[in-house]
Protein backbone atom coordinates (compact mmCIF):
# COMPACT_ATOMS: atom_id res chain seq x y z
CA UNK A 1 0.00 0.00 0.00
CA UNK A 2 1.28 3.48 -0.83
CA UNK A 3 0.03 6.85 0.35
CA UNK A 4 0.53 9.84 -1.91
CA UNK A 5 1.30 12.48 0.72
CA UNK A 6 1.47 15.27 -1.84
CA UNK A 7 -2.17 14.75 -2.83
CA UNK A 8 -3.54 13.51 0.51
CA UNK A 9 -5.73 15.69 2.68
CA UNK A 10 -7.13 15.11 6.16
CA UNK A 11 -10.87 15.70 6.06
CA UNK A 12 -11.59 15.11 9.71
CA UNK A 13 -9.46 14.43 12.73
CA UNK A 14 -10.10 13.95 16.39
CA UNK A 15 -7.63 13.15 19.09
CA UNK A 16 -7.47 13.38 22.84
CA UNK A 17 -3.86 14.55 22.66
CA UNK A 18 -3.22 18.09 21.36
CA UNK A 19 -0.95 18.38 18.31
CA UNK A 20 1.60 20.45 20.19
CA UNK A 21 2.18 17.43 22.47
CA UNK A 22 1.52 14.45 20.16
CA UNK A 23 2.08 14.00 16.43
CA UNK A 24 -1.02 13.12 14.46
CA UNK A 25 -1.07 9.64 12.89
CA UNK A 26 -0.30 10.87 9.36
CA UNK A 27 2.72 12.91 10.45
CA UNK A 28 3.97 10.03 12.62
CA UNK A 29 3.55 7.62 9.68
CA UNK A 30 5.40 9.99 7.34
CA UNK A 31 8.24 10.47 9.82
CA UNK A 32 8.60 6.72 10.31
CA UNK A 33 8.15 5.42 6.74
CA UNK A 34 9.43 8.13 4.38
CA UNK A 35 13.13 8.09 5.42
CA UNK A 36 13.28 4.29 5.23
CA UNK A 37 11.41 4.20 1.92
CA UNK A 38 13.64 6.90 0.43
CA UNK A 39 16.77 4.97 1.50
CA UNK A 40 15.41 1.74 0.00
CA UNK A 41 14.60 3.46 -3.31
CA UNK A 42 18.11 4.94 -3.50
CA UNK A 43 19.66 1.56 -2.66
CA UNK A 44 17.63 -0.18 -5.38
CA UNK A 45 18.39 2.57 -7.91
CA UNK A 46 22.12 2.17 -7.24
CA UNK A 47 22.01 -1.62 -7.52
CA UNK A 48 20.00 -1.47 -10.75
CA UNK A 49 22.25 1.18 -12.31
CA UNK A 50 19.41 3.67 -12.56
CA UNK A 51 21.26 6.53 -10.86
CA UNK A 52 24.29 6.13 -13.11
CA UNK A 53 22.05 6.10 -16.19
CA UNK A 54 20.23 9.24 -15.04
CA UNK A 55 23.56 10.98 -14.45
CA UNK A 56 24.73 10.00 -17.94
CA UNK A 57 21.47 10.98 -19.68
CA UNK A 58 21.13 14.21 -17.69
CA UNK A 59 24.69 15.22 -18.51
CA UNK A 60 24.13 14.54 -22.20
CA UNK A 61 20.85 16.47 -22.20
CA UNK A 62 22.19 19.56 -20.44
CA UNK A 63 25.40 19.57 -22.50
CA UNK A 64 23.36 19.56 -25.71
CA UNK A 65 20.94 22.15 -24.33
CA UNK A 66 23.68 24.59 -23.30
CA UNK A 67 25.54 24.09 -26.59
CA UNK A 68 22.31 24.84 -28.46
CA UNK A 69 22.23 28.17 -26.60
CA UNK A 70 25.63 29.02 -28.03
CA UNK A 71 28.02 27.94 -25.31
CA UNK A 72 31.19 26.51 -26.85
CA UNK A 73 32.59 24.86 -23.76
CA UNK A 74 30.22 23.00 -21.45
CA UNK A 75 31.00 20.90 -18.41
CA UNK A 76 28.17 19.21 -16.54
CA UNK A 77 29.13 18.02 -13.06
CA UNK A 78 26.81 15.77 -11.09
CA UNK A 79 27.52 15.28 -7.40
CA UNK A 80 25.17 13.39 -5.14
CA UNK A 81 24.26 9.98 -3.74
CA UNK A 82 27.98 9.21 -3.52
CA UNK A 83 28.53 9.88 -7.22
CA UNK A 84 31.02 12.28 -8.71
CA UNK A 85 30.72 12.35 -12.47
CA UNK A 86 31.69 15.04 -14.96
CA UNK A 87 30.95 15.39 -18.69
């Protein structure tokens, strides 16, 4: 099951514990699940070579884009998720 937090809205909520003392269930769920899910997605993307492919394709795209604008010398540097790649 997946919850789309960007498009989710709480229509009604009742709780005996005020929000300033206790997190509501949705916030608690987000705080517990999102970091783990994000880490798992990054791990899978690394293992499957997805991140490396995105870096390669993104570098190619932006190099071509900037050259089309008239830049003669273009260097695209991608740094993140433990990657350091330049084109």
